[in-house]
């Protein structure tokens, strides 16, 4: 399976409501994740807590998808432009969009950077 295919499988799980299952399967124990403009989150435990906090703020997901995806199979880098239409617990509904750059190590992501407003 190519890195691009692995990333697609990860997103298929996320978009079907299995974010935490996808996280456990596809993220390395030593993963470093970073939102641009914020400090990096180091390790799976710190990133798991971040993802759980995000999920606790979501009331409903109305849709999600990938707009574009590219990969450099030699270096294990995948770039994804995606969107998600969500309603938060405070009843605000927003369409989130971002670009993420993943660095894969075998079957898991070792680093991911998110670019969004």
N, C-alpha and C. Protein backbone atom coordinates (compact mmCIF):
# COMPACT_ATOMS: atom_id res chain seq x y z
N UNK A 1 0.84 -1.18 0.00
CA UNK A 1 0.00 0.00 0.00
C UNK A 1 0.89 1.25 0.00
N UNK A 2 0.60 2.20 -0.87
CA UNK A 2 1.38 3.43 -0.93
C UNK A 2 1.05 4.34 0.26
N UNK A 3 1.91 5.32 0.49
CA UNK A 3 1.62 6.29 1.56
C UNK A 3 0.34 7.06 1.26
N UNK A 4 0.13 7.39 0.01
CA UNK A 4 -1.09 8.09 -0.39
C UNK A 4 -2.32 7.23 -0.07
N UNK A 5 -2.24 5.94 -0.36
CA UNK A 5 -3.36 5.03 -0.05
C UNK A 5 -3.57 4.90 1.46
N UNK A 6 -2.48 4.87 2.22
CA UNK A 6 -2.59 4.80 3.68
C UNK A 6 -3.28 6.05 4.21
N UNK A 7 -2.89 7.21 3.68
CA UNK A 7 -3.50 8.46 4.13
C UNK A 7 -4.98 8.50 3.75
N UNK A 8 -5.32 8.00 2.58
CA UNK A 8 -6.73 7.94 2.17
C UNK A 8 -7.51 7.04 3.12
N UNK A 9 -6.93 5.89 3.48
CA UNK A 9 -7.59 4.97 4.42
C UNK A 9 -7.80 5.63 5.78
N UNK A 10 -6.79 6.38 6.24
CA UNK A 10 -6.90 7.14 7.49
C UNK A 10 -8.07 8.11 7.42
N UNK A 11 -8.13 8.88 6.34
CA UNK A 11 -9.21 9.86 6.20
C UNK A 11 -10.58 9.20 6.03
N UNK A 12 -10.63 8.08 5.36
CA UNK A 12 -11.90 7.35 5.25
C UNK A 12 -12.43 6.99 6.63
N UNK A 13 -11.54 6.54 7.53
CA UNK A 13 -11.95 6.23 8.90
C UNK A 13 -12.42 7.48 9.62
N UNK A 14 -11.67 8.57 9.50
CA UNK A 14 -12.03 9.81 10.18
C UNK A 14 -13.40 10.29 9.70
N UNK A 15 -13.60 10.30 8.38
CA UNK A 15 -14.84 10.81 7.82
C UNK A 15 -16.03 9.91 8.13
N UNK A 16 -15.78 8.67 8.52
CA UNK A 16 -16.88 7.77 8.88
C UNK A 16 -17.12 7.76 10.39
N UNK A 17 -16.52 8.72 11.10
CA UNK A 17 -16.77 8.85 12.54
C UNK A 17 -15.84 8.03 13.41
N UNK A 18 -14.73 7.56 12.88
CA UNK A 18 -13.80 6.73 13.63
C UNK A 18 -12.47 7.46 13.86
N UNK A 19 -12.53 8.71 14.27
CA UNK A 19 -11.32 9.50 14.43
C UNK A 19 -10.35 8.86 15.41
N UNK A 20 -10.80 8.47 16.57
CA UNK A 20 -9.89 7.93 17.57
C UNK A 20 -9.35 6.56 17.16
N UNK A 21 -10.16 5.75 16.50
CA UNK A 21 -9.67 4.45 16.02
C UNK A 21 -8.59 4.66 14.96
N UNK A 22 -8.81 5.65 14.08
CA UNK A 22 -7.82 5.98 13.05
C UNK A 22 -6.54 6.50 13.70
N UNK A 23 -6.70 7.33 14.72
CA UNK A 23 -5.53 7.86 15.43
C UNK A 23 -4.70 6.73 16.02
N UNK A 24 -5.35 5.79 16.68
CA UNK A 24 -4.62 4.69 17.32
C UNK A 24 -3.92 3.82 16.28
N UNK A 25 -4.53 3.62 15.14
CA UNK A 25 -3.97 2.76 14.11
C UNK A 25 -2.83 3.41 13.32
N UNK A 26 -2.99 4.66 12.97
CA UNK A 26 -2.10 5.28 12.00
C UNK A 26 -1.06 6.27 12.57
N UNK A 27 -1.07 6.53 13.87
CA UNK A 27 -0.11 7.48 14.43
C UNK A 27 0.92 6.77 15.31
N UNK A 28 2.16 7.12 15.10
CA UNK A 28 3.31 6.55 15.79
C UNK A 28 3.32 6.98 17.26
N UNK A 29 3.88 6.17 18.12
CA UNK A 29 3.96 6.49 19.56
C UNK A 29 4.72 7.79 19.81
N UNK A 30 5.67 8.11 18.96
CA UNK A 30 6.49 9.32 19.13
C UNK A 30 6.06 10.46 18.20
N UNK A 31 4.84 10.43 17.73
CA UNK A 31 4.38 11.43 16.76
C UNK A 31 4.50 12.85 17.30
N UNK A 32 4.87 13.76 16.40
CA UNK A 32 4.90 15.19 16.70
C UNK A 32 3.90 15.85 15.77
N UNK A 33 2.91 16.53 16.35
CA UNK A 33 1.88 17.21 15.56
C UNK A 33 1.89 18.68 15.91
N UNK A 34 1.64 19.52 14.90
CA UNK A 34 1.71 20.95 15.15
C UNK A 34 0.72 21.70 14.27
N UNK A 35 -0.03 22.61 14.90
CA UNK A 35 -0.83 23.59 14.19
C UNK A 35 0.11 24.77 13.98
N UNK A 36 0.16 25.32 12.79
CA UNK A 36 1.04 26.45 12.52
C UNK A 36 0.70 27.59 13.49
N UNK A 37 1.73 28.15 14.09
CA UNK A 37 1.56 29.23 15.06
C UNK A 37 1.45 28.75 16.49
N UNK A 38 1.45 27.42 16.70
CA UNK A 38 1.37 26.86 18.05
C UNK A 38 2.59 25.98 18.30
N UNK A 39 2.83 25.69 19.55
CA UNK A 39 3.92 24.79 19.91
C UNK A 39 3.59 23.36 19.46
N UNK A 40 4.59 22.60 19.07
CA UNK A 40 4.34 21.20 18.69
C UNK A 40 3.85 20.38 19.88
N UNK A 41 2.99 19.42 19.58
CA UNK A 41 2.55 18.44 20.58
C UNK A 41 3.38 17.18 20.34
N UNK A 42 4.09 16.73 21.37
CA UNK A 42 5.04 15.63 21.21
C UNK A 42 4.50 14.38 21.91
N UNK A 43 4.45 13.29 21.17
CA UNK A 43 4.05 12.00 21.72
C UNK A 43 2.57 11.71 21.51
N UNK A 44 2.26 10.44 21.48
CA UNK A 44 0.89 10.01 21.20
C UNK A 44 -0.07 10.40 22.32
N UNK A 45 0.37 10.36 23.57
CA UNK A 45 -0.52 10.72 24.68
C UNK A 45 -0.98 12.17 24.59
N UNK A 46 -0.05 13.09 24.34
CA UNK A 46 -0.40 14.51 24.24
C UNK A 46 -1.33 14.75 23.05
N UNK A 47 -1.08 14.08 21.96
CA UNK A 47 -1.90 14.26 20.77
C UNK A 47 -3.26 13.58 20.90
N UNK A 48 -3.31 12.46 21.60
CA UNK A 48 -4.59 11.80 21.87
C UNK A 48 -5.49 12.73 22.69
N UNK A 49 -4.92 13.36 23.72
CA UNK A 49 -5.70 14.29 24.56
C UNK A 49 -6.21 15.46 23.72
N UNK A 50 -5.40 15.97 22.81
CA UNK A 50 -5.81 17.07 21.93
C UNK A 50 -6.99 16.65 21.05
N UNK A 51 -6.90 15.47 20.47
CA UNK A 51 -7.98 14.99 19.60
C UNK A 51 -9.26 14.74 20.39
N UNK A 52 -9.14 14.19 21.59
CA UNK A 52 -10.31 13.94 22.43
C UNK A 52 -10.98 15.26 22.84
N UNK A 53 -10.17 16.27 23.12
CA UNK A 53 -10.71 17.59 23.45
C UNK A 53 -11.49 18.16 22.27
N UNK A 54 -10.93 18.05 21.06
CA UNK A 54 -11.63 18.52 19.86
C UNK A 54 -12.97 17.79 19.71
N UNK A 55 -12.95 16.48 19.83
CA UNK A 55 -14.19 15.71 19.69
C UNK A 55 -15.24 16.11 20.72
N UNK A 56 -14.81 16.43 21.93
CA UNK A 56 -15.76 16.81 22.98
C UNK A 56 -16.45 18.14 22.66
N UNK A 57 -15.85 18.95 21.79
CA UNK A 57 -16.43 20.24 21.42
C UNK A 57 -17.39 20.13 20.24
N UNK A 58 -17.39 18.98 19.56
CA UNK A 58 -18.21 18.80 18.36
C UNK A 58 -19.56 18.19 18.73
N UNK A 59 -20.61 18.85 18.28
CA UNK A 59 -21.97 18.36 18.49
C UNK A 59 -22.41 17.48 17.32
N UNK A 60 -22.08 17.90 16.09
CA UNK A 60 -22.47 17.13 14.91
C UNK A 60 -21.51 17.41 13.76
N UNK A 61 -21.29 16.39 12.95
CA UNK A 61 -20.52 16.54 11.72
C UNK A 61 -21.49 16.38 10.56
N UNK A 62 -21.54 17.38 9.69
CA UNK A 62 -22.50 17.38 8.58
C UNK A 62 -21.88 16.91 7.27
N UNK A 63 -20.57 16.83 7.23
CA UNK A 63 -19.89 16.37 6.03
C UNK A 63 -18.41 16.64 6.14
N UNK A 64 -17.65 15.95 5.30
CA UNK A 64 -16.20 16.13 5.28
C UNK A 64 -15.68 15.52 3.98
N UNK A 65 -14.52 16.00 3.55
CA UNK A 65 -13.95 15.44 2.34
C UNK A 65 -12.56 15.93 2.07
N UNK A 66 -11.96 15.31 1.07
CA UNK A 66 -10.63 15.69 0.61
C UNK A 66 -10.79 16.44 -0.70
N UNK A 67 -10.19 17.61 -0.77
CA UNK A 67 -10.21 18.43 -1.98
C UNK A 67 -9.06 18.06 -2.90
N UNK A 68 -7.88 17.79 -2.31
CA UNK A 68 -6.71 17.43 -3.10
C UNK A 68 -5.75 16.63 -2.22
N UNK A 69 -4.98 15.77 -2.88
CA UNK A 69 -4.00 14.96 -2.16
C UNK A 69 -2.82 14.70 -3.09
N UNK A 70 -1.61 14.79 -2.53
CA UNK A 70 -0.40 14.49 -3.29
C UNK A 70 0.59 13.78 -2.38
N UNK A 71 1.46 12.99 -2.98
CA UNK A 71 2.44 12.30 -2.15
C UNK A 71 3.79 12.21 -2.84
N UNK A 72 4.82 12.14 -2.01
CA UNK A 72 6.17 11.85 -2.46
C UNK A 72 6.49 10.49 -1.84
N UNK A 73 6.30 9.45 -2.59
CA UNK A 73 6.43 8.09 -2.07
C UNK A 73 7.86 7.77 -1.65
N UNK A 74 8.84 8.40 -2.25
CA UNK A 74 10.24 8.15 -1.89
C UNK A 74 10.57 8.66 -0.50
N UNK A 75 9.99 9.80 -0.11
CA UNK A 75 10.29 10.38 1.20
C UNK A 75 9.21 10.11 2.24
N UNK A 76 8.09 9.51 1.83
CA UNK A 76 7.01 9.20 2.77
C UNK A 76 6.23 10.42 3.20
N UNK A 77 6.13 11.43 2.34
CA UNK A 77 5.40 12.65 2.66
C UNK A 77 4.09 12.69 1.86
N UNK A 78 2.99 12.97 2.57
CA UNK A 78 1.68 13.11 1.95
C UNK A 78 1.11 14.46 2.34
N UNK A 79 0.55 15.17 1.35
CA UNK A 79 -0.08 16.47 1.58
C UNK A 79 -1.56 16.36 1.24
N UNK A 80 -2.40 16.83 2.14
CA UNK A 80 -3.85 16.69 1.99
C UNK A 80 -4.52 18.03 2.23
N UNK A 81 -5.39 18.43 1.30
CA UNK A 81 -6.28 19.57 1.51
C UNK A 81 -7.65 18.98 1.81
N UNK A 82 -8.19 19.28 2.98
CA UNK A 82 -9.49 18.71 3.32
C UNK A 82 -10.38 19.72 4.05
N UNK A 83 -11.63 19.36 4.19
CA UNK A 83 -12.62 20.22 4.81
C UNK A 83 -13.54 19.38 5.70
N UNK A 84 -14.20 20.07 6.65
CA UNK A 84 -15.17 19.42 7.53
C UNK A 84 -16.23 20.46 7.91
N UNK A 85 -17.48 20.10 7.78
CA UNK A 85 -18.61 20.95 8.15
C UNK A 85 -19.13 20.46 9.49
N UNK A 86 -18.95 21.26 10.56
CA UNK A 86 -19.30 20.81 11.91
C UNK A 86 -20.15 21.84 12.64
N UNK A 87 -20.94 21.33 13.57
CA UNK A 87 -21.61 22.16 14.55
C UNK A 87 -20.98 21.86 15.90
N UNK A 88 -20.55 22.93 16.57
CA UNK A 88 -19.93 22.78 17.88
C UNK A 88 -20.99 22.77 18.98
N UNK A 89 -20.59 22.44 20.18
CA UNK A 89 -21.52 22.34 21.32
C UNK A 89 -22.26 23.65 21.57
N UNK A 90 -21.68 24.78 21.19
CA UNK A 90 -22.35 26.08 21.38
C UNK A 90 -23.32 26.40 20.23
N UNK A 91 -23.58 25.41 19.38
CA UNK A 91 -24.49 25.51 18.23
C UNK A 91 -23.95 26.36 17.08
N UNK A 92 -22.68 26.75 17.10
CA UNK A 92 -22.11 27.44 15.96
C UNK A 92 -21.72 26.39 14.91
N UNK A 93 -22.09 26.66 13.67
CA UNK A 93 -21.78 25.74 12.58
C UNK A 93 -20.74 26.40 11.68
N UNK A 94 -19.66 25.68 11.41
CA UNK A 94 -18.58 26.21 10.60
C UNK A 94 -18.07 25.15 9.63
N UNK A 95 -17.53 25.63 8.52
CA UNK A 95 -16.84 24.75 7.59
C UNK A 95 -15.34 25.00 7.78
N UNK A 96 -14.67 24.01 8.32
CA UNK A 96 -13.24 24.08 8.57
C UNK A 96 -12.51 23.56 7.34
N UNK A 97 -11.41 24.22 6.99
CA UNK A 97 -10.58 23.70 5.91
C UNK A 97 -9.12 23.84 6.30
N UNK A 98 -8.31 22.92 5.81
CA UNK A 98 -6.90 22.91 6.17
C UNK A 98 -6.10 22.14 5.15
N UNK A 99 -4.80 22.35 5.21
CA UNK A 99 -3.85 21.51 4.50
C UNK A 99 -2.98 20.87 5.57
N UNK A 100 -2.77 19.58 5.47
CA UNK A 100 -1.87 18.91 6.40
C UNK A 100 -0.76 18.24 5.62
N UNK A 101 0.42 18.23 6.23
CA UNK A 101 1.58 17.57 5.64
C UNK A 101 2.00 16.47 6.61
N UNK A 102 1.91 15.24 6.14
CA UNK A 102 2.23 14.08 6.96
C UNK A 102 3.58 13.51 6.55
N UNK A 103 4.36 13.09 7.55
CA UNK A 103 5.60 12.35 7.31
C UNK A 103 5.39 10.95 7.88
N UNK A 104 5.42 9.97 7.01
CA UNK A 104 5.17 8.58 7.40
C UNK A 104 6.47 7.85 7.72
N UNK A 105 6.39 6.94 8.69
CA UNK A 105 7.47 6.03 9.04
C UNK A 105 6.86 4.63 8.99
N UNK A 106 7.03 3.95 7.87
CA UNK A 106 6.38 2.64 7.71
C UNK A 106 4.88 2.81 7.60
N UNK A 107 4.15 2.19 8.52
CA UNK A 107 2.69 2.22 8.48
C UNK A 107 2.07 3.32 9.35
N UNK A 108 2.91 4.18 9.93
CA UNK A 108 2.38 5.19 10.83
C UNK A 108 2.97 6.57 10.56
N UNK A 109 2.21 7.57 10.96
CA UNK A 109 2.65 8.97 10.81
C UNK A 109 3.54 9.32 12.00
N UNK A 110 4.72 9.83 11.71
CA UNK A 110 5.67 10.22 12.75
C UNK A 110 5.62 11.74 12.98
N UNK A 111 5.16 12.50 11.98
CA UNK A 111 5.05 13.95 12.12
C UNK A 111 3.94 14.46 11.21
N UNK A 112 3.21 15.46 11.70
CA UNK A 112 2.15 16.07 10.89
C UNK A 112 2.03 17.54 11.27
N UNK A 113 1.97 18.38 10.24
CA UNK A 113 1.80 19.81 10.42
C UNK A 113 0.52 20.23 9.74
N UNK A 114 -0.26 21.09 10.42
CA UNK A 114 -1.55 21.55 9.92
C UNK A 114 -1.48 23.04 9.59
N UNK A 115 -1.94 23.40 8.41
CA UNK A 115 -1.96 24.78 7.96
C UNK A 115 -3.42 25.18 7.77
N UNK A 116 -3.88 26.15 8.56
CA UNK A 116 -5.26 26.64 8.46
C UNK A 116 -5.36 28.00 9.09
N UNK A 117 -6.51 28.65 8.88
CA UNK A 117 -6.74 29.98 9.48
C UNK A 117 -7.02 29.83 10.94
